[in-house]
Every structure is written in structure tokens, then in C-alpha cells.
N, C-alpha and C. Protein backbone atom coordinates (compact mmCIF):
# COMPACT_ATOMS: atom_id res chain seq x y z
N UNK A 1 -11.87 2.04 13.42
CA UNK A 1 -10.65 3.08 13.22
C UNK A 1 -9.65 1.81 12.83
N UNK A 2 -8.67 2.17 12.07
CA UNK A 2 -7.71 1.26 11.71
C UNK A 2 -6.18 1.31 12.51
N UNK A 3 -5.68 0.50 13.12
CA UNK A 3 -4.60 0.64 14.27
C UNK A 3 -3.56 0.27 13.04
N UNK A 4 -2.27 1.32 13.36
CA UNK A 4 -1.30 1.25 12.71
C UNK A 4 0.26 0.93 13.69
N UNK A 5 1.13 0.43 13.20
CA UNK A 5 2.51 0.63 13.92
C UNK A 5 3.55 0.18 13.29
N UNK A 6 4.39 0.51 13.62
CA UNK A 6 5.91 0.36 12.85
C UNK A 6 6.46 -0.70 13.70
N UNK A 7 6.71 -1.91 13.47
CA UNK A 7 7.48 -2.81 13.79
C UNK A 7 8.26 -3.73 13.11
N UNK A 8 9.07 -4.59 13.51
CA UNK A 8 9.97 -5.11 12.71
C UNK A 8 9.04 -6.77 12.40
N UNK A 9 9.13 -7.15 11.10
CA UNK A 9 8.16 -7.82 10.42
C UNK A 9 9.03 -8.98 10.46
N UNK A 10 8.16 -10.20 9.88
CA UNK A 10 8.96 -11.47 9.44
C UNK A 10 10.14 -11.22 8.35
N UNK A 11 10.96 -11.43 8.22
CA UNK A 11 12.14 -11.62 7.21
C UNK A 11 11.54 -12.43 6.01
N UNK A 12 10.42 -13.35 5.92
CA UNK A 12 10.06 -14.29 4.77
C UNK A 12 9.07 -13.90 3.91
N UNK A 13 8.80 -12.73 4.22
CA UNK A 13 7.92 -12.09 3.69
C UNK A 13 8.02 -12.11 1.99
N UNK A 14 7.17 -12.05 1.19
CA UNK A 14 7.36 -12.08 -0.48
C UNK A 14 7.49 -10.58 -0.26
N UNK A 15 7.99 -10.15 -1.66
CA UNK A 15 7.72 -8.60 -1.97
C UNK A 15 6.48 -8.34 -2.54
N UNK A 16 5.64 -9.19 -2.78
CA UNK A 16 4.38 -8.43 -3.19
C UNK A 16 3.58 -8.19 -1.71
N UNK A 17 3.88 -9.19 -0.63
CA UNK A 17 3.16 -8.65 0.73
C UNK A 17 3.89 -7.99 1.18
N UNK A 18 5.10 -7.49 1.36
CA UNK A 18 5.62 -6.23 1.46
C UNK A 18 5.10 -4.97 1.04
N UNK A 19 5.01 -4.88 -0.33
CA UNK A 19 4.29 -3.86 -1.10
C UNK A 19 3.13 -3.78 -0.61
N UNK A 20 2.24 -4.29 -0.56
CA UNK A 20 0.85 -4.50 0.07
C UNK A 20 0.84 -3.82 1.12
N UNK A 21 1.71 -4.25 2.31
CA UNK A 21 1.67 -3.71 3.63
C UNK A 21 1.91 -2.17 3.56
N UNK A 22 3.11 -1.77 2.66
CA UNK A 22 3.54 -0.49 2.77
C UNK A 22 2.83 0.33 2.18
N UNK A 23 2.13 0.01 1.15
CA UNK A 23 1.08 1.00 0.59
C UNK A 23 -0.36 1.05 1.29
N UNK A 24 -0.76 -0.05 1.73
CA UNK A 24 -1.89 0.07 2.61
C UNK A 24 -1.37 0.93 3.93
N UNK A 25 -0.46 0.62 4.47
CA UNK A 25 0.13 1.58 5.46
C UNK A 25 0.21 3.15 5.31
N UNK A 26 0.97 3.33 4.07
CA UNK A 26 0.86 4.85 3.69
C UNK A 26 0.00 5.38 3.37
N UNK A 27 -0.97 4.52 2.53
CA UNK A 27 -2.44 5.58 2.44
C UNK A 27 -3.39 5.61 3.29
N UNK A 28 -3.15 4.85 4.43
CA UNK A 28 -3.81 5.14 5.71
C UNK A 28 -3.15 6.42 6.39
N UNK A 29 -2.03 6.58 6.36
CA UNK A 29 -1.16 7.55 7.27
C UNK A 29 -1.64 8.91 6.51
N UNK A 30 -2.09 8.91 5.24
CA UNK A 30 -2.52 10.03 4.35
C UNK A 30 -3.89 10.40 4.64
N UNK A 31 -4.73 9.28 5.01
CA UNK A 31 -6.00 9.09 5.39
C UNK A 31 -6.88 9.20 3.93
N UNK A 32 -6.42 8.58 3.02
CA UNK A 32 -7.00 8.59 1.74
C UNK A 32 -7.58 7.08 1.54
N UNK A 33 -8.81 7.14 0.99
CA UNK A 33 -9.45 5.83 0.71
C UNK A 33 -8.81 5.20 -0.61
N UNK A 34 -9.39 3.81 -1.09
CA UNK A 34 -8.24 3.22 -2.14
C UNK A 34 -9.13 3.95 -3.34
N UNK A 35 -10.17 4.72 -3.31
CA UNK A 35 -10.29 5.81 -4.54
C UNK A 35 -9.32 6.87 -4.67
N UNK A 36 -9.15 7.51 -3.48
CA UNK A 36 -8.36 8.63 -3.71
C UNK A 36 -7.09 8.23 -4.06
N UNK A 37 -6.36 7.20 -3.54
CA UNK A 37 -5.05 6.99 -4.24
C UNK A 37 -5.34 6.52 -5.52
N UNK A 38 -6.36 5.74 -6.22
CA UNK A 38 -6.42 5.46 -7.24
C UNK A 38 -6.49 6.70 -8.22
N UNK A 39 -7.27 7.67 -7.68
CA UNK A 39 -7.21 8.95 -8.62
C UNK A 39 -5.95 9.59 -8.48
N UNK A 40 -5.31 9.57 -7.23
CA UNK A 40 -4.13 10.47 -7.43
C UNK A 40 -2.76 9.80 -8.13
N UNK A 41 -2.91 8.26 -8.44
CA UNK A 41 -1.75 7.60 -8.82
C UNK A 41 -2.33 7.29 -10.66
N UNK A 42 -3.31 7.62 -10.90
CA UNK A 42 -4.08 7.18 -12.00
C UNK A 42 -4.02 5.73 -12.66
N UNK A 43 -4.19 4.97 -11.34
CA UNK A 43 -4.47 3.79 -11.69
C UNK A 43 -6.33 3.18 -11.09
N UNK A 44 -6.58 2.17 -11.36
CA UNK A 44 -7.93 1.93 -11.15
C UNK A 44 -8.29 1.23 -9.68
N UNK A 45 -9.28 1.43 -9.10
CA UNK A 45 -9.48 1.03 -7.79
C UNK A 45 -9.31 -0.56 -7.77
N UNK A 46 -9.94 -1.02 -8.71
CA UNK A 46 -9.63 -2.49 -8.58
C UNK A 46 -8.08 -3.02 -8.72
N UNK A 47 -7.03 -2.28 -9.53
CA UNK A 47 -5.81 -2.47 -9.20
C UNK A 47 -5.13 -2.23 -8.10
N UNK A 48 -5.54 -1.25 -7.22
CA UNK A 48 -4.93 -0.85 -6.03
C UNK A 48 -5.62 -1.68 -4.87
N UNK A 49 -6.63 -2.26 -5.10
CA UNK A 49 -7.18 -3.13 -4.11
C UNK A 49 -6.49 -4.49 -4.23
N UNK A 50 -6.43 -5.10 -5.69
CA UNK A 50 -5.60 -6.25 -5.66
C UNK A 50 -4.10 -6.26 -5.12
N UNK A 51 -3.55 -4.98 -5.39
CA UNK A 51 -2.25 -4.59 -5.03
C UNK A 51 -2.09 -5.13 -3.13
N UNK A 52 -2.80 -4.19 -2.66
CA UNK A 52 -3.08 -4.22 -1.42
C UNK A 52 -3.47 -5.33 -0.64
N UNK A 53 -4.28 -6.28 -1.64
CA UNK A 53 -4.23 -7.54 -0.95
C UNK A 53 -3.36 -8.71 -1.18
N UNK A 54 -2.50 -7.93 -1.88
CA UNK A 54 -1.19 -9.00 -2.46
C UNK A 54 -1.99 -10.08 -3.46
N UNK A 55 -2.94 -9.83 -4.11
CA UNK A 55 -3.49 -10.69 -5.21
C UNK A 55 -2.92 -10.68 -6.46
N UNK A 56 -2.09 -9.84 -6.65
CA UNK A 56 -1.55 -9.64 -7.83
C UNK A 56 -0.26 -9.00 -7.65
N UNK A 57 0.82 -9.29 -8.71
CA UNK A 57 1.94 -8.79 -8.87
C UNK A 57 1.67 -7.44 -9.64
N UNK A 58 2.59 -6.10 -9.19
CA UNK A 58 2.59 -4.66 -9.84
C UNK A 58 3.43 -4.89 -10.71
N UNK A 59 3.34 -4.10 -11.84
CA UNK A 59 4.57 -3.73 -12.65
C UNK A 59 5.36 -2.35 -12.10
N UNK A 60 6.59 -2.63 -12.60
CA UNK A 60 7.21 -1.26 -12.07
C UNK A 60 6.43 0.03 -12.18
N UNK A 61 5.87 0.16 -13.68
CA UNK A 61 5.45 1.34 -13.75
C UNK A 61 4.16 1.54 -12.88
N UNK A 62 3.53 0.57 -12.48
CA UNK A 62 2.36 0.78 -11.24
C UNK A 62 2.85 1.14 -10.25
N UNK A 63 4.01 0.62 -9.76
CA UNK A 63 4.72 0.95 -8.41
C UNK A 63 5.25 2.43 -8.40
N UNK A 64 5.60 2.58 -9.79
CA UNK A 64 6.40 3.93 -9.72
C UNK A 64 5.17 5.28 -9.62
N UNK A 65 3.73 4.78 -10.16
CA UNK A 65 2.86 5.66 -10.27
C UNK A 65 2.07 5.88 -8.65
N UNK A 66 1.84 4.61 -8.12
CA UNK A 66 1.57 4.81 -6.62
C UNK A 66 2.44 5.22 -5.84
N UNK A 67 3.73 5.06 -6.02
CA UNK A 67 5.22 5.71 -5.16
C UNK A 67 5.04 7.39 -5.42
N UNK A 68 4.90 7.87 -6.58
CA UNK A 68 4.68 8.86 -6.73
C UNK A 68 3.72 9.85 -5.94
N UNK A 69 2.44 9.16 -6.06
CA UNK A 69 1.26 9.88 -5.33
C UNK A 69 1.58 9.56 -4.04
N UNK A 70 2.19 8.66 -3.21
CA UNK A 70 2.48 8.43 -1.95
C UNK A 70 3.70 9.34 -1.44
N UNK A 71 4.45 9.86 -2.76
CA UNK A 71 5.72 10.43 -1.91
C UNK A 71 6.85 9.65 -1.73
N UNK A 72 6.96 8.36 -1.93
CA UNK A 72 7.87 7.46 -2.02
C UNK A 72 8.37 6.78 -3.19
N UNK A 73 9.79 6.25 -3.36
CA UNK A 73 10.41 5.75 -4.60
C UNK A 73 10.16 4.35 -4.70
N UNK A 74 9.86 3.61 -5.64
CA UNK A 74 9.68 2.19 -5.87
C UNK A 74 10.43 1.31 -4.93
N UNK A 75 11.86 1.81 -4.81
CA UNK A 75 12.50 0.98 -3.97
C UNK A 75 12.21 0.92 -2.51
N UNK A 76 11.65 2.11 -1.96
CA UNK A 76 11.16 2.22 -0.70
C UNK A 76 10.06 1.29 -0.52
N UNK A 77 9.21 1.39 -1.38
CA UNK A 77 8.07 0.93 -1.37
C UNK A 77 8.29 -0.71 -1.52
N UNK A 78 9.56 -1.31 -2.02
CA UNK A 78 9.53 -2.63 -2.06
C UNK A 78 10.28 -3.11 -1.01
N UNK A 79 10.74 -2.33 -0.18
CA UNK A 79 11.81 -2.82 1.26
C UNK A 79 10.90 -2.83 2.25
N UNK A 80 11.04 -3.80 3.26
CA UNK A 80 10.33 -4.12 4.25
C UNK A 80 10.92 -2.85 5.33
N UNK A 81 9.72 -2.22 5.74
CA UNK A 81 10.09 -1.15 6.41
C UNK A 81 9.59 -1.40 7.79
N UNK A 82 8.90 -2.47 7.84
CA UNK A 82 8.67 -2.78 9.39
C UNK A 82 7.21 -2.31 9.89
N UNK A 83 6.54 -1.80 8.80
CA UNK A 83 5.06 -1.25 8.97
C UNK A 83 4.28 -2.60 9.41
N UNK A 84 3.12 -2.51 10.23
CA UNK A 84 2.49 -3.40 10.23
C UNK A 84 0.91 -2.82 10.19
N UNK A 85 -0.28 -3.60 9.61
CA UNK A 85 -1.49 -2.94 9.44
C UNK A 85 -2.19 -4.29 9.89
N UNK A 86 -2.79 -3.90 11.27
CA UNK A 86 -3.52 -4.70 11.76
C UNK A 86 -4.73 -5.06 11.34
N UNK A 87 -5.75 -4.04 10.63
CA UNK A 87 -6.87 -4.40 10.08
C UNK A 87 -6.74 -3.94 8.51
N UNK A 88 -6.55 -5.02 7.58
CA UNK A 88 -6.65 -4.72 5.98
C UNK A 88 -7.71 -3.78 5.76
N UNK A 89 -9.00 -4.19 5.83
CA UNK A 89 -10.07 -3.35 5.42
C UNK A 89 -10.62 -2.21 6.26
N UNK A 90 -10.98 -1.30 5.63
CA UNK A 90 -11.29 0.17 5.82
C UNK A 90 -12.57 0.61 5.44
N UNK A 91 -13.51 1.19 6.49
CA UNK A 91 -14.67 1.28 6.12
C UNK A 91 -14.89 2.67 5.37
N UNK A 92 -15.58 2.56 4.11
CA UNK A 92 -15.61 3.79 3.24
C UNK A 92 -15.96 5.12 4.21
N UNK A 93 -15.44 6.38 3.60
CA UNK A 93 -15.94 7.41 4.63
C UNK A 93 -17.23 7.59 4.18
N UNK A 94 -17.92 8.45 5.18
CA UNK A 94 -19.43 8.75 5.37
C UNK A 94 -19.39 10.32 4.43
């Protein structure tokens, strides 16, 4: 099981890292797999995975699509909300 908490984060995080944490946190709150977020946002699983692992920068269009699926604005997703994800990898649903 993933452990999520809301705490103050280091202020020197990059926007890419903040975005990755926020998307991962919100996806887990909804109890969605990466596949479900991909389907709901119209993006590929590989793009979702790469963003959540901060491997790639996301375009505004991609952030908009993911934000719409999660119910958050682009500006909210790129702002440090103080979320923490203590385990990034989630086992797939059985």
C-alpha cells in the first residue's frame, strides 16, 4: 500500500519534480492506476509514467489534459502543494 501525506517540501524542487509528485499523489487519492489516468486524460501510459518519474517535461496541453482528468488546474498542478509520495511505484491492481 502506498503511504501519502501532506507536508512541507523542500523549496528547491524543480517544477518537473513538483508536477510529478502532485500528479502521482492525486492519482493515488483517486485510487487510479497509471492506465486509468492515461485513459481519462487521453494520454499514453508511457507519457504518464515518464511525467510521474520526472523523466520528461510536459507541455501545457498535456498538463491541461491531466489536470482536467484529476479535477485540478494547470497552475495548481505546478505549484508546490506540500504533498509527499513515500513510494512512487504502485503494484498493479489484481
